[in-house]
Amino acid sequence: MGQINRTYRFRPYEDLKNKSALFKHQFEEMGRLGYEMVMSIEKELASSLGRIVDESLKALLQNHKENESIINRYISQMDLVADRYSQNINDMKEQSITIYYEEVEISAPK
């Protein structure tokens, strides 16, 4: 008895990396808005003096720097995540199959 192993694809392969574009845009927008907020607060406090103001600005800038780092990391990871997503979805569209068959010998007429 013979057998053939094949992979059957129910639907064609799709590149779903474009799904990450919306998320990346949202992260970029968060970064832009965060920057605008920091600039607005700095502008507002520019005319103020004192230790509390200085420490507040220092903490604000440190917090903004950390947030920027996190946002940039997520933006760079989106392509990797989108690639994994594409692979997982496309893997679900495949099925391994095994076909068993019996070889029959046919004799030629005499």
N, C-alpha and C. Protein backbone atom coordinates (compact mmCIF):
# COMPACT_ATOMS: atom_id res chain seq x y z
N MET A 1 0.86 -1.17 0.00
CA MET A 1 0.00 0.00 0.00
C MET A 1 0.90 1.23 0.00
N GLY A 2 0.61 2.18 -0.87
CA GLY A 2 1.39 3.40 -0.95
C GLY A 2 0.67 4.55 -0.26
N GLN A 3 1.40 5.61 -0.07
CA GLN A 3 0.78 6.80 0.51
C GLN A 3 1.48 8.05 -0.01
N ILE A 4 0.73 9.14 -0.04
CA ILE A 4 1.25 10.45 -0.43
C ILE A 4 0.90 11.44 0.67
N ASN A 5 1.88 12.21 1.11
CA ASN A 5 1.63 13.25 2.11
C ASN A 5 1.69 14.61 1.42
N ARG A 6 0.69 15.41 1.61
CA ARG A 6 0.61 16.73 1.00
C ARG A 6 0.04 17.73 2.01
N THR A 7 0.25 18.98 1.70
CA THR A 7 -0.38 20.05 2.47
C THR A 7 -1.37 20.74 1.54
N TYR A 8 -2.59 20.81 1.99
CA TYR A 8 -3.63 21.44 1.18
C TYR A 8 -3.92 22.82 1.75
N ARG A 9 -3.87 23.82 0.90
CA ARG A 9 -4.15 25.20 1.32
C ARG A 9 -5.58 25.53 0.88
N PHE A 10 -6.43 25.79 1.88
CA PHE A 10 -7.83 26.09 1.60
C PHE A 10 -8.00 27.46 0.96
N ARG A 11 -7.19 28.41 1.40
CA ARG A 11 -7.27 29.78 0.88
C ARG A 11 -5.86 30.24 0.57
N PRO A 12 -5.71 31.17 -0.36
CA PRO A 12 -4.36 31.64 -0.70
C PRO A 12 -3.69 32.38 0.46
N TYR A 13 -2.37 32.40 0.44
CA TYR A 13 -1.59 33.09 1.46
C TYR A 13 -1.88 34.59 1.40
N GLU A 14 -2.05 35.20 2.56
CA GLU A 14 -2.29 36.64 2.64
C GLU A 14 -1.22 37.28 3.50
N ASP A 15 -0.71 38.40 3.03
CA ASP A 15 0.23 39.18 3.83
C ASP A 15 -0.60 40.18 4.64
N LEU A 16 -0.64 39.99 5.94
CA LEU A 16 -1.49 40.80 6.81
C LEU A 16 -0.70 41.84 7.59
N LYS A 17 0.53 42.12 7.15
CA LYS A 17 1.36 43.08 7.86
C LYS A 17 0.76 44.49 7.88
N ASN A 18 -0.06 44.78 6.87
CA ASN A 18 -0.67 46.11 6.83
C ASN A 18 -1.61 46.35 8.01
N LYS A 19 -1.99 45.29 8.71
CA LYS A 19 -2.86 45.44 9.88
C LYS A 19 -2.18 46.26 10.98
N SER A 20 -0.85 46.29 10.97
CA SER A 20 -0.12 47.01 12.02
C SER A 20 -0.10 48.51 11.78
N ALA A 21 -0.43 48.96 10.58
CA ALA A 21 -0.34 50.39 10.25
C ALA A 21 -1.23 51.23 11.16
N LEU A 22 -2.43 50.77 11.44
CA LEU A 22 -3.33 51.53 12.31
C LEU A 22 -2.76 51.66 13.72
N PHE A 23 -2.22 50.56 14.25
CA PHE A 23 -1.63 50.61 15.58
C PHE A 23 -0.41 51.53 15.62
N LYS A 24 0.43 51.43 14.59
CA LYS A 24 1.62 52.27 14.54
C LYS A 24 1.22 53.75 14.47
N HIS A 25 0.19 54.04 13.70
CA HIS A 25 -0.29 55.42 13.61
C HIS A 25 -0.77 55.91 14.97
N GLN A 26 -1.47 55.06 15.70
CA GLN A 26 -1.98 55.45 17.03
C GLN A 26 -0.82 55.72 17.99
N PHE A 27 0.21 54.88 17.95
CA PHE A 27 1.38 55.11 18.81
C PHE A 27 2.09 56.41 18.44
N GLU A 28 2.22 56.66 17.13
CA GLU A 28 2.85 57.90 16.69
C GLU A 28 2.05 59.12 17.15
N GLU A 29 0.74 59.00 17.07
CA GLU A 29 -0.14 60.09 17.53
C GLU A 29 0.02 60.31 19.04
N MET A 30 0.10 59.23 19.80
CA MET A 30 0.31 59.35 21.25
C MET A 30 1.62 60.08 21.53
N GLY A 31 2.67 59.74 20.80
CA GLY A 31 3.96 60.39 20.97
C GLY A 31 3.90 61.87 20.65
N ARG A 32 3.21 62.21 19.56
CA ARG A 32 3.07 63.61 19.16
C ARG A 32 2.29 64.40 20.19
N LEU A 33 1.18 63.84 20.66
CA LEU A 33 0.37 64.52 21.67
C LEU A 33 1.12 64.67 22.99
N GLY A 34 1.88 63.66 23.36
CA GLY A 34 2.69 63.74 24.57
C GLY A 34 3.71 64.85 24.49
N TYR A 35 4.34 64.97 23.32
CA TYR A 35 5.32 66.03 23.11
C TYR A 35 4.65 67.41 23.20
N GLU A 36 3.49 67.55 22.58
CA GLU A 36 2.75 68.82 22.63
C GLU A 36 2.39 69.18 24.08
N MET A 37 2.00 68.19 24.86
CA MET A 37 1.64 68.44 26.26
C MET A 37 2.86 68.92 27.04
N VAL A 38 4.00 68.28 26.85
CA VAL A 38 5.22 68.66 27.56
C VAL A 38 5.62 70.09 27.18
N MET A 39 5.54 70.41 25.90
CA MET A 39 5.89 71.76 25.46
C MET A 39 4.94 72.79 26.05
N SER A 40 3.68 72.46 26.12
CA SER A 40 2.68 73.37 26.69
C SER A 40 2.94 73.61 28.19
N ILE A 41 3.25 72.55 28.91
CA ILE A 41 3.53 72.68 30.35
C ILE A 41 4.81 73.46 30.57
N GLU A 42 5.83 73.18 29.78
CA GLU A 42 7.09 73.93 29.90
C GLU A 42 6.88 75.41 29.64
N LYS A 43 6.09 75.72 28.63
CA LYS A 43 5.80 77.11 28.29
C LYS A 43 5.05 77.79 29.44
N GLU A 44 4.11 77.07 30.03
CA GLU A 44 3.32 77.63 31.13
C GLU A 44 4.18 77.89 32.36
N LEU A 45 5.12 76.99 32.63
CA LEU A 45 5.96 77.12 33.83
C LEU A 45 7.23 77.94 33.60
N ALA A 46 7.45 78.39 32.38
CA ALA A 46 8.68 79.12 32.06
C ALA A 46 8.83 80.40 32.89
N SER A 47 7.73 81.02 33.21
CA SER A 47 7.80 82.29 33.97
C SER A 47 7.82 82.05 35.48
N SER A 48 7.73 80.80 35.90
CA SER A 48 7.71 80.50 37.34
C SER A 48 9.12 80.10 37.80
N LEU A 49 9.37 80.36 39.05
CA LEU A 49 10.65 80.02 39.65
C LEU A 49 10.42 79.21 40.91
N GLY A 50 11.44 78.47 41.30
CA GLY A 50 11.37 77.75 42.56
C GLY A 50 11.77 76.30 42.39
N ARG A 51 12.06 75.73 43.55
CA ARG A 51 12.53 74.35 43.57
C ARG A 51 11.44 73.37 43.14
N ILE A 52 10.21 73.63 43.55
CA ILE A 52 9.10 72.74 43.20
C ILE A 52 8.88 72.75 41.68
N VAL A 53 8.95 73.93 41.09
CA VAL A 53 8.78 74.05 39.65
C VAL A 53 9.91 73.32 38.93
N ASP A 54 11.14 73.53 39.38
CA ASP A 54 12.30 72.88 38.75
C ASP A 54 12.20 71.35 38.85
N GLU A 55 11.85 70.86 40.04
CA GLU A 55 11.73 69.40 40.22
C GLU A 55 10.56 68.83 39.41
N SER A 56 9.48 69.60 39.32
CA SER A 56 8.32 69.16 38.53
C SER A 56 8.69 69.05 37.05
N LEU A 57 9.40 70.06 36.55
CA LEU A 57 9.84 70.02 35.15
C LEU A 57 10.81 68.87 34.89
N LYS A 58 11.70 68.66 35.84
CA LYS A 58 12.66 67.56 35.71
C LYS A 58 11.93 66.22 35.64
N ALA A 59 10.96 66.02 36.53
CA ALA A 59 10.18 64.78 36.55
C ALA A 59 9.34 64.64 35.28
N LEU A 60 8.78 65.74 34.81
CA LEU A 60 7.98 65.73 33.59
C LEU A 60 8.83 65.30 32.39
N LEU A 61 10.00 65.88 32.27
CA LEU A 61 10.88 65.55 31.14
C LEU A 61 11.37 64.10 31.20
N GLN A 62 11.66 63.63 32.40
CA GLN A 62 12.08 62.23 32.56
C GLN A 62 10.94 61.28 32.18
N ASN A 63 9.74 61.62 32.65
CA ASN A 63 8.57 60.80 32.33
C ASN A 63 8.32 60.79 30.82
N HIS A 64 8.45 61.95 30.20
CA HIS A 64 8.24 62.04 28.75
C HIS A 64 9.28 61.22 27.99
N LYS A 65 10.51 61.27 28.44
CA LYS A 65 11.58 60.50 27.80
C LYS A 65 11.30 59.00 27.90
N GLU A 66 10.85 58.54 29.04
CA GLU A 66 10.52 57.12 29.22
C GLU A 66 9.33 56.72 28.35
N ASN A 67 8.32 57.59 28.29
CA ASN A 67 7.15 57.29 27.45
C ASN A 67 7.54 57.22 25.97
N GLU A 68 8.38 58.13 25.53
CA GLU A 68 8.85 58.10 24.14
C GLU A 68 9.58 56.79 23.84
N SER A 69 10.40 56.35 24.76
CA SER A 69 11.13 55.10 24.59
C SER A 69 10.17 53.91 24.46
N ILE A 70 9.16 53.89 25.31
CA ILE A 70 8.17 52.80 25.27
C ILE A 70 7.40 52.84 23.96
N ILE A 71 6.96 54.01 23.55
CA ILE A 71 6.20 54.14 22.30
C ILE A 71 7.06 53.70 21.12
N ASN A 72 8.30 54.13 21.06
CA ASN A 72 9.19 53.73 19.96
C ASN A 72 9.42 52.23 19.93
N ARG A 73 9.53 51.63 21.11
CA ARG A 73 9.71 50.17 21.18
C ARG A 73 8.48 49.46 20.63
N TYR A 74 7.29 49.93 21.00
CA TYR A 74 6.07 49.31 20.51
C TYR A 74 5.92 49.48 19.00
N ILE A 75 6.28 50.64 18.50
CA ILE A 75 6.20 50.87 17.05
C ILE A 75 7.11 49.89 16.32
N SER A 76 8.32 49.71 16.82
CA SER A 76 9.25 48.79 16.14
C SER A 76 8.81 47.33 16.28
N GLN A 77 8.11 46.99 17.35
CA GLN A 77 7.66 45.61 17.53
C GLN A 77 6.42 45.29 16.71
N MET A 78 5.71 46.30 16.23
CA MET A 78 4.47 46.06 15.50
C MET A 78 4.71 45.22 14.23
N ASP A 79 5.81 45.46 13.52
CA ASP A 79 6.08 44.67 12.32
C ASP A 79 6.31 43.21 12.66
N LEU A 80 7.02 42.96 13.75
CA LEU A 80 7.26 41.59 14.18
C LEU A 80 5.95 40.91 14.57
N VAL A 81 5.13 41.59 15.32
CA VAL A 81 3.84 41.04 15.75
C VAL A 81 2.94 40.80 14.54
N ALA A 82 2.93 41.74 13.60
CA ALA A 82 2.10 41.59 12.40
C ALA A 82 2.57 40.39 11.56
N ASP A 83 3.87 40.17 11.51
CA ASP A 83 4.40 39.02 10.78
C ASP A 83 3.95 37.72 11.44
N ARG A 84 4.01 37.66 12.75
CA ARG A 84 3.54 36.46 13.48
C ARG A 84 2.04 36.25 13.26
N TYR A 85 1.29 37.34 13.27
CA TYR A 85 -0.16 37.27 13.05
C TYR A 85 -0.44 36.69 11.66
N SER A 86 0.27 37.20 10.65
CA SER A 86 0.09 36.68 9.28
C SER A 86 0.38 35.19 9.24
N GLN A 87 1.47 34.80 9.87
CA GLN A 87 1.85 33.38 9.85
C GLN A 87 0.80 32.52 10.54
N ASN A 88 0.32 32.95 11.69
CA ASN A 88 -0.69 32.16 12.41
C ASN A 88 -1.99 32.04 11.62
N ILE A 89 -2.45 33.14 11.05
CA ILE A 89 -3.69 33.10 10.27
C ILE A 89 -3.52 32.20 9.06
N ASN A 90 -2.39 32.32 8.37
CA ASN A 90 -2.17 31.50 7.18
C ASN A 90 -1.96 30.03 7.53
N ASP A 91 -1.40 29.75 8.70
CA ASP A 91 -1.26 28.35 9.12
C ASP A 91 -2.63 27.70 9.33
N MET A 92 -3.61 28.49 9.75
CA MET A 92 -4.95 27.94 9.96
C MET A 92 -5.66 27.63 8.64
N LYS A 93 -5.12 28.14 7.55
CA LYS A 93 -5.73 27.92 6.24
C LYS A 93 -5.14 26.70 5.54
N GLU A 94 -4.30 25.95 6.24
CA GLU A 94 -3.66 24.76 5.67
C GLU A 94 -4.08 23.52 6.44
N GLN A 95 -4.02 22.41 5.74
CA GLN A 95 -4.29 21.13 6.37
C GLN A 95 -3.36 20.10 5.76
N SER A 96 -2.66 19.38 6.59
CA SER A 96 -1.84 18.28 6.09
C SER A 96 -2.75 17.09 5.83
N ILE A 97 -2.57 16.47 4.68
CA ILE A 97 -3.40 15.31 4.35
C ILE A 97 -2.49 14.15 3.92
N THR A 98 -2.96 12.96 4.17
CA THR A 98 -2.28 11.75 3.73
C THR A 98 -3.27 10.95 2.90
N ILE A 99 -2.85 10.60 1.71
CA ILE A 99 -3.70 9.80 0.82
C ILE A 99 -3.08 8.41 0.74
N TYR A 100 -3.88 7.43 1.13
CA TYR A 100 -3.45 6.04 1.04
C TYR A 100 -4.04 5.44 -0.23
N TYR A 101 -3.25 4.66 -0.92
CA TYR A 101 -3.75 4.03 -2.13
C TYR A 101 -3.17 2.62 -2.24
N GLU A 102 -3.87 1.82 -2.99
CA GLU A 102 -3.43 0.45 -3.20
C GLU A 102 -3.00 0.32 -4.66
N GLU A 103 -1.84 -0.21 -4.85
CA GLU A 103 -1.32 -0.40 -6.19
C GLU A 103 -1.90 -1.71 -6.76
N VAL A 104 -2.45 -1.61 -7.93
CA VAL A 104 -3.03 -2.78 -8.58
C VAL A 104 -2.20 -3.08 -9.81
N GLU A 105 -1.77 -4.31 -9.91
CA GLU A 105 -0.96 -4.72 -11.06
C GLU A 105 -1.88 -5.15 -12.17
N ILE A 106 -1.69 -4.56 -13.32
CA ILE A 106 -2.51 -4.90 -14.48
C ILE A 106 -1.63 -5.66 -15.47
N SER A 107 -2.13 -6.82 -15.84
CA SER A 107 -1.35 -7.64 -16.79
C SER A 107 -1.84 -7.35 -18.21
N ALA A 108 -0.94 -7.37 -19.14
CA ALA A 108 -1.30 -7.13 -20.54
C ALA A 108 -1.93 -8.38 -21.13
N PRO A 109 -2.91 -8.19 -21.99
CA PRO A 109 -3.55 -9.38 -22.63
C PRO A 109 -2.56 -10.14 -23.50
N LYS A 110 -2.71 -11.49 -23.57
CA LYS A 110 -1.81 -12.36 -24.36
C LYS A 110 -2.32 -12.62 -25.72
